[in-house]
Amino acid sequence: MGILSGLGNLGIDIKDGDIFAEDKQDSKISPEELKKAEEEKKVAEEVEFLLKKSFTCPICGADFKALSVKTNKARLLGQDVDLRPKYDKFDALKYTAVMCPNCGYAARAQVFNEVSSKQKSIIREKIAANYFSKSDDEQKEVYDYDTAINHYQMAIGTAIVKGAKNSEKAYLCLQTAWVVRGKKESLDQTDPKYQEQLKECEENEKELLQNALEGFLKARSSEDFPMCGMDQYTIDYIIAALCYECNKFDVGLRLISELISSRSVNSRIKDKARDLKELIAKKASAGAK
């Protein structure tokens, strides 16, 4: 005799086995629903770090808003070997490149307005006159990786067209590689297309890192410091790290030796250089693949 058996005499059709039936039913959440809920939670968390910042395009004069990270909101967790910053809860790098939704002009937010009259004319002719993919970025709560990568691609294209310095093009390639790496790390391993997407990300990241290395090497021999807000020692470390990632060990080890032996280099860079020297030695001995 169940504890609820007496309810039948009162016309109530509830059985003992029904006490937690609703809870059990509610717990049957499909993997798709669970994934959607997790994505919505991530978006809601990311929104808290962002604001819509107003810009005026120096090329077409259009006023627009682009998502930007709130000052002092992003909490740095650490860095990759090539100084890619990694943040808590979201990837702040997705918001570094800004693109005008009206004409397609794009650049790093820090230098968005730094365009000469001659460069404006070239960009209007080569980019703005041909741009047709009007974006819906202003309606987005957050930028996904594909949106961010598109912004960086347009920024690289803009830099090429306007004849930007090699250091600027190299830094854009490096930052784009960082964002592609972020996308790679965020891929859903249960997706049937995971391996295909992983391979694409790895190939794109490798190409971007190689371009960044080439650009920084050219800039180092022809430009003055600072470059993109970085001093010579930081640039030399980044070049050495890129050499490690691109299997150019000789150049990397030479720069690392100079950094370690220099009295002018701060302890932070020296420590990173020592760690990088060990990584290169291990990778070189294992045989570059």
Protein backbone atom coordinates (compact mmCIF):
# COMPACT_ATOMS: atom_id res chain seq x y z
CA MET A 1 0.00 0.00 0.00
CA GLY A 2 1.54 3.27 -1.13
CA ILE A 3 1.65 6.48 0.82
CA LEU A 4 -0.64 8.15 -1.71
CA SER A 5 -3.05 5.25 -2.14
CA GLY A 6 -5.73 7.04 -0.17
CA LEU A 7 -5.99 9.79 -2.75
CA GLY A 8 -7.92 7.43 -5.04
CA ASN A 9 -10.82 7.50 -2.61
CA LEU A 10 -10.96 11.25 -3.06
CA GLY A 11 -11.00 11.07 -6.88
CA ILE A 12 -7.35 12.17 -7.23
CA ASP A 13 -5.33 10.09 -9.72
CA ILE A 14 -1.81 10.47 -8.38
CA LYS A 15 0.38 7.47 -7.66
CA ASP A 16 3.47 7.08 -5.47
CA GLY A 17 5.67 6.80 -8.53
CA ASP A 18 4.51 10.25 -9.66
CA ILE A 19 6.01 12.18 -6.73
CA PHE A 20 9.16 13.12 -8.67
CA ALA A 21 7.90 12.34 -12.16
CA GLU A 22 7.88 15.99 -13.19
CA ASP A 23 11.45 16.49 -12.05
CA LYS A 24 12.54 13.43 -14.03
CA GLN A 25 10.73 14.70 -17.08
CA ASP A 26 12.34 18.10 -16.79
CA SER A 27 15.78 16.51 -16.48
CA LYS A 28 15.48 14.92 -19.91
CA ILE A 29 17.22 17.75 -21.74
CA SER A 30 18.49 16.91 -25.19
CA PRO A 31 22.17 17.48 -26.05
CA GLU A 32 21.06 20.15 -28.54
CA GLU A 33 19.09 22.02 -25.86
CA LEU A 34 21.98 21.73 -23.41
CA LYS A 35 24.44 23.07 -26.02
CA LYS A 36 22.11 25.97 -26.85
CA ALA A 37 21.73 26.83 -23.16
CA GLU A 38 25.51 26.84 -22.69
CA GLU A 39 25.99 29.07 -25.72
CA GLU A 40 23.35 31.49 -24.47
CA LYS A 41 25.06 31.60 -21.08
CA LYS A 42 28.43 32.37 -22.70
CA VAL A 43 26.89 35.15 -24.79
CA ALA A 44 25.22 36.66 -21.72
CA GLU A 45 28.54 36.59 -19.83
CA GLU A 46 30.43 38.13 -22.75
CA VAL A 47 27.89 40.95 -23.15
CA GLU A 48 28.75 42.13 -19.64
CA PHE A 49 32.29 42.95 -20.78
CA LEU A 50 31.28 44.95 -23.85
CA LEU A 51 29.97 48.34 -24.86
CA LYS A 52 28.97 49.88 -28.17
CA LYS A 53 31.52 52.52 -29.06
CA SER A 54 30.81 55.27 -31.59
CA PHE A 55 33.09 55.74 -34.59
CA THR A 56 33.15 58.07 -37.58
CA CYS A 57 34.71 56.49 -40.63
CA PRO A 58 37.62 58.61 -41.93
CA ILE A 59 37.01 57.26 -45.44
CA CYS A 60 33.26 57.66 -46.08
CA GLY A 61 32.23 59.80 -43.10
CA ALA A 62 29.60 57.34 -41.88
CA ASP A 63 28.81 57.24 -38.16
CA PHE A 64 28.53 53.75 -36.72
CA LYS A 65 28.88 51.77 -33.53
CA ALA A 66 31.21 48.83 -32.97
CA LEU A 67 31.54 46.53 -30.00
CA SER A 68 34.48 47.31 -27.75
CA VAL A 69 35.78 45.89 -24.46
CA LYS A 70 35.00 47.97 -21.38
CA THR A 71 38.08 49.54 -19.82
CA ASN A 72 39.73 47.31 -17.20
CA LYS A 73 37.05 44.65 -17.60
CA ALA A 74 39.05 41.92 -19.33
CA ARG A 75 40.99 39.83 -16.81
CA LEU A 76 44.23 38.46 -18.23
CA LEU A 77 44.87 34.81 -17.38
CA GLY A 78 48.17 34.37 -19.21
CA GLN A 79 49.95 34.43 -22.55
CA ASP A 80 50.92 31.97 -25.24
CA VAL A 81 54.55 31.69 -26.25
CA ASP A 82 54.07 34.38 -28.94
CA LEU A 83 52.48 36.76 -26.37
CA ARG A 84 48.89 36.09 -27.41
CA PRO A 85 46.88 37.28 -24.39
CA LYS A 86 44.32 34.87 -22.94
CA TYR A 87 41.41 36.32 -20.99
CA ASP A 88 38.91 34.99 -18.47
CA LYS A 89 35.41 34.10 -19.77
CA PHE A 90 35.82 35.55 -23.29
CA ASP A 91 38.30 36.40 -26.04
CA ALA A 92 38.90 40.15 -26.01
CA LEU A 93 40.97 39.88 -29.20
CA LYS A 94 37.75 39.57 -31.21
CA TYR A 95 37.15 43.28 -30.63
CA THR A 96 40.51 44.79 -31.59
CA ALA A 97 39.84 45.32 -35.32
CA VAL A 98 37.13 47.79 -36.31
CA MET A 99 35.36 47.79 -39.69
CA CYS A 100 33.09 50.43 -41.17
CA PRO A 101 29.84 48.66 -42.16
CA ASN A 102 29.22 51.21 -44.90
CA CYS A 103 32.45 51.18 -46.95
CA GLY A 104 34.50 48.25 -45.62
CA TYR A 105 37.46 50.28 -44.32
CA ALA A 106 39.01 48.45 -41.38
CA ALA A 107 41.95 48.89 -39.01
CA ARG A 108 43.02 48.27 -35.45
CA ALA A 109 40.95 50.46 -33.15
CA GLN A 110 44.08 52.25 -31.89
CA VAL A 111 44.98 53.52 -35.38
CA PHE A 112 41.53 53.66 -36.97
CA ASN A 113 41.73 57.40 -37.66
CA GLU A 114 45.41 57.48 -38.65
CA VAL A 115 44.99 57.76 -42.42
CA SER A 116 46.66 60.31 -44.69
CA SER A 117 44.80 62.15 -47.45
CA LYS A 118 46.61 60.07 -50.07
CA GLN A 119 45.70 56.84 -48.29
CA LYS A 120 42.06 57.90 -48.02
CA SER A 121 41.92 58.43 -51.76
CA ILE A 122 43.42 55.01 -52.48
CA ILE A 123 41.10 53.25 -50.01
CA ARG A 124 38.05 54.96 -51.50
CA GLU A 125 39.09 53.79 -54.95
CA LYS A 126 40.25 50.27 -54.14
CA ILE A 127 37.97 49.25 -51.27
CA ALA A 128 35.02 51.57 -50.67
CA ALA A 129 34.03 51.73 -54.36
CA ASN A 130 33.91 47.94 -54.58
CA TYR A 131 32.53 47.05 -51.16
CA PHE A 132 29.06 45.53 -51.33
CA SER A 133 28.69 43.17 -48.36
CA LYS A 134 26.91 45.52 -45.97
CA SER A 135 27.36 44.00 -42.53
CA ASP A 136 24.85 43.67 -39.70
CA ASP A 137 27.50 44.06 -37.00
CA GLU A 138 25.64 46.88 -35.26
CA GLN A 139 22.78 44.50 -34.41
CA LYS A 140 25.04 41.87 -32.81
CA GLU A 141 25.34 41.43 -29.06
CA VAL A 142 28.75 39.81 -29.41
CA TYR A 143 31.08 39.00 -32.30
CA ASP A 144 31.57 35.35 -33.12
CA TYR A 145 34.96 34.25 -34.39
CA ASP A 146 33.99 34.34 -38.06
CA THR A 147 32.83 37.95 -37.72
CA ALA A 148 36.04 38.92 -35.93
CA ILE A 149 38.21 37.15 -38.51
CA ASN A 150 36.34 38.98 -41.28
CA HIS A 151 37.17 42.30 -39.59
CA TYR A 152 40.84 41.37 -39.42
CA GLN A 153 40.87 40.19 -43.03
CA MET A 154 39.47 43.56 -44.11
CA ALA A 155 42.05 45.31 -41.92
CA ILE A 156 44.88 43.38 -43.59
CA GLY A 157 43.39 44.18 -47.01
CA THR A 158 43.14 47.85 -46.06
CA ALA A 159 46.73 47.89 -44.82
CA ILE A 160 47.95 46.39 -48.11
CA VAL A 161 45.97 48.85 -50.20
CA LYS A 162 47.03 51.96 -48.27
CA GLY A 163 50.70 50.92 -48.24
CA ALA A 164 50.99 50.50 -44.48
CA LYS A 165 54.33 49.82 -42.83
CA ASN A 166 55.55 46.24 -42.74
CA SER A 167 55.29 46.27 -38.94
CA GLU A 168 51.59 47.20 -39.10
CA LYS A 169 50.83 44.46 -41.62
CA ALA A 170 52.86 41.95 -39.61
CA TYR A 171 51.06 42.82 -36.38
CA LEU A 172 47.69 42.46 -38.07
CA CYS A 173 48.72 39.03 -39.37
CA LEU A 174 49.84 38.04 -35.87
CA GLN A 175 46.62 39.22 -34.24
CA THR A 176 44.54 37.48 -36.90
CA ALA A 177 46.48 34.27 -36.18
CA TRP A 178 45.62 34.70 -32.50
CA VAL A 179 41.92 35.00 -33.29
CA VAL A 180 42.06 31.97 -35.59
CA ARG A 181 43.74 30.09 -32.72
CA GLY A 182 40.90 31.16 -30.46
CA LYS A 183 38.40 29.81 -32.96
CA LYS A 184 40.36 26.55 -33.17
CA GLU A 185 40.23 26.16 -29.40
CA SER A 186 36.48 26.84 -29.34
CA LEU A 187 35.54 24.22 -31.96
CA ASP A 188 32.98 21.64 -30.94
CA GLN A 189 34.73 18.27 -31.01
CA THR A 190 31.38 16.48 -31.35
CA ASP A 191 30.61 18.31 -34.59
CA PRO A 192 30.83 15.97 -37.61
CA LYS A 193 32.86 18.65 -39.38
CA TYR A 194 35.29 19.09 -36.48
CA GLN A 195 38.34 17.59 -38.22
CA GLU A 196 37.70 19.60 -41.37
CA GLN A 197 37.32 22.84 -39.39
CA LEU A 198 40.38 22.04 -37.28
CA LYS A 199 42.53 21.49 -40.36
CA GLU A 200 41.35 24.75 -41.91
CA CYS A 201 42.13 26.70 -38.74
CA GLU A 202 45.57 25.14 -38.41
CA GLU A 203 46.46 25.90 -42.03
CA ASN A 204 45.22 29.49 -41.77
CA GLU A 205 47.04 30.08 -38.49
CA LYS A 206 50.29 28.70 -39.91
CA GLU A 207 50.07 30.94 -42.98
CA LEU A 208 49.35 34.01 -40.87
CA LEU A 209 52.24 33.30 -38.49
CA GLN A 210 54.63 32.90 -41.41
CA ASN A 211 53.44 36.22 -42.87
CA ALA A 212 53.83 37.89 -39.49
CA LEU A 213 57.39 36.58 -39.20
CA GLU A 214 58.30 37.80 -42.69
CA GLY A 215 56.80 41.22 -42.02
CA PHE A 216 58.49 41.74 -38.66
CA LEU A 217 61.87 40.68 -40.06
CA LYS A 218 61.52 43.24 -42.86
CA ALA A 219 60.35 45.91 -40.43
CA ARG A 220 63.23 45.24 -38.03
CA SER A 221 65.77 46.08 -40.72
CA SER A 222 64.02 49.15 -42.11
CA GLU A 223 61.84 50.82 -39.44
CA ASP A 224 62.44 52.72 -36.24
CA PHE A 225 61.20 51.64 -32.81
CA PRO A 226 58.72 51.54 -31.23
CA MET A 227 56.67 49.42 -33.66
CA CYS A 228 52.94 49.13 -33.04
CA GLY A 229 53.55 50.42 -29.53
CA MET A 230 56.26 47.81 -28.79
CA ASP A 231 59.96 48.35 -28.09
CA GLN A 232 62.80 46.54 -29.85
CA TYR A 233 63.16 43.84 -27.20
CA THR A 234 59.48 42.89 -27.31
CA ILE A 235 59.58 42.77 -31.12
CA ASP A 236 62.75 40.66 -31.04
CA TYR A 237 61.10 38.26 -28.60
CA ILE A 238 58.00 38.00 -30.81
CA ILE A 239 60.19 37.32 -33.85
CA ALA A 240 62.02 34.59 -31.91
CA ALA A 241 58.68 33.07 -30.84
CA LEU A 242 57.45 33.14 -34.43
CA CYS A 243 60.69 31.46 -35.50
CA TYR A 244 59.92 28.72 -32.98
CA GLU A 245 56.39 28.31 -34.32
CA CYS A 246 57.58 28.36 -37.94
CA ASN A 247 60.60 26.11 -37.36
CA LYS A 248 63.20 28.81 -38.15
CA PHE A 249 65.44 27.86 -35.26
CA ASP A 250 68.71 29.55 -36.25
CA VAL A 251 67.26 33.06 -36.39
CA GLY A 252 65.23 32.49 -33.26
CA LEU A 253 68.19 31.27 -31.19
CA ARG A 254 70.35 34.19 -32.32
CA LEU A 255 67.75 36.72 -31.19
CA ILE A 256 67.19 34.89 -27.92
CA SER A 257 70.92 34.91 -27.16
CA GLU A 258 71.02 38.67 -27.75
CA LEU A 259 68.03 39.20 -25.45
CA ILE A 260 69.47 37.08 -22.64
CA SER A 261 72.92 38.69 -22.78
CA SER A 262 71.70 42.30 -23.06
CA ARG A 263 71.78 44.46 -19.92
CA SER A 264 68.99 46.66 -21.28
CA VAL A 265 66.33 43.94 -21.51
CA ASN A 266 63.89 43.76 -18.61
CA SER A 267 63.66 40.62 -16.48
CA ARG A 268 60.22 39.66 -17.79
CA ILE A 269 61.40 39.40 -21.40
CA LYS A 270 64.63 37.70 -20.32
CA ASP A 271 62.70 35.03 -18.42
CA LYS A 272 60.45 34.43 -21.40
CA ALA A 273 63.48 34.26 -23.68
CA ARG A 274 65.08 31.59 -21.47
CA ASP A 275 61.88 29.54 -21.51
CA LEU A 276 61.65 29.95 -25.27
CA LYS A 277 65.26 28.82 -25.69
CA GLU A 278 64.39 25.55 -23.95
CA LEU A 279 61.31 25.07 -26.13
CA ILE A 280 63.33 25.61 -29.30
CA ALA A 281 66.01 23.18 -28.14
CA LYS A 282 63.40 20.50 -27.42
CA LYS A 283 61.59 21.04 -30.70
CA ALA A 284 64.81 21.08 -32.71
CA SER A 285 66.09 17.89 -31.10
CA ALA A 286 62.77 16.15 -31.69
CA GLY A 287 62.91 17.15 -35.35
CA ALA A 288 60.68 19.88 -36.79
CA LYS A 289 57.54 18.57 -38.38
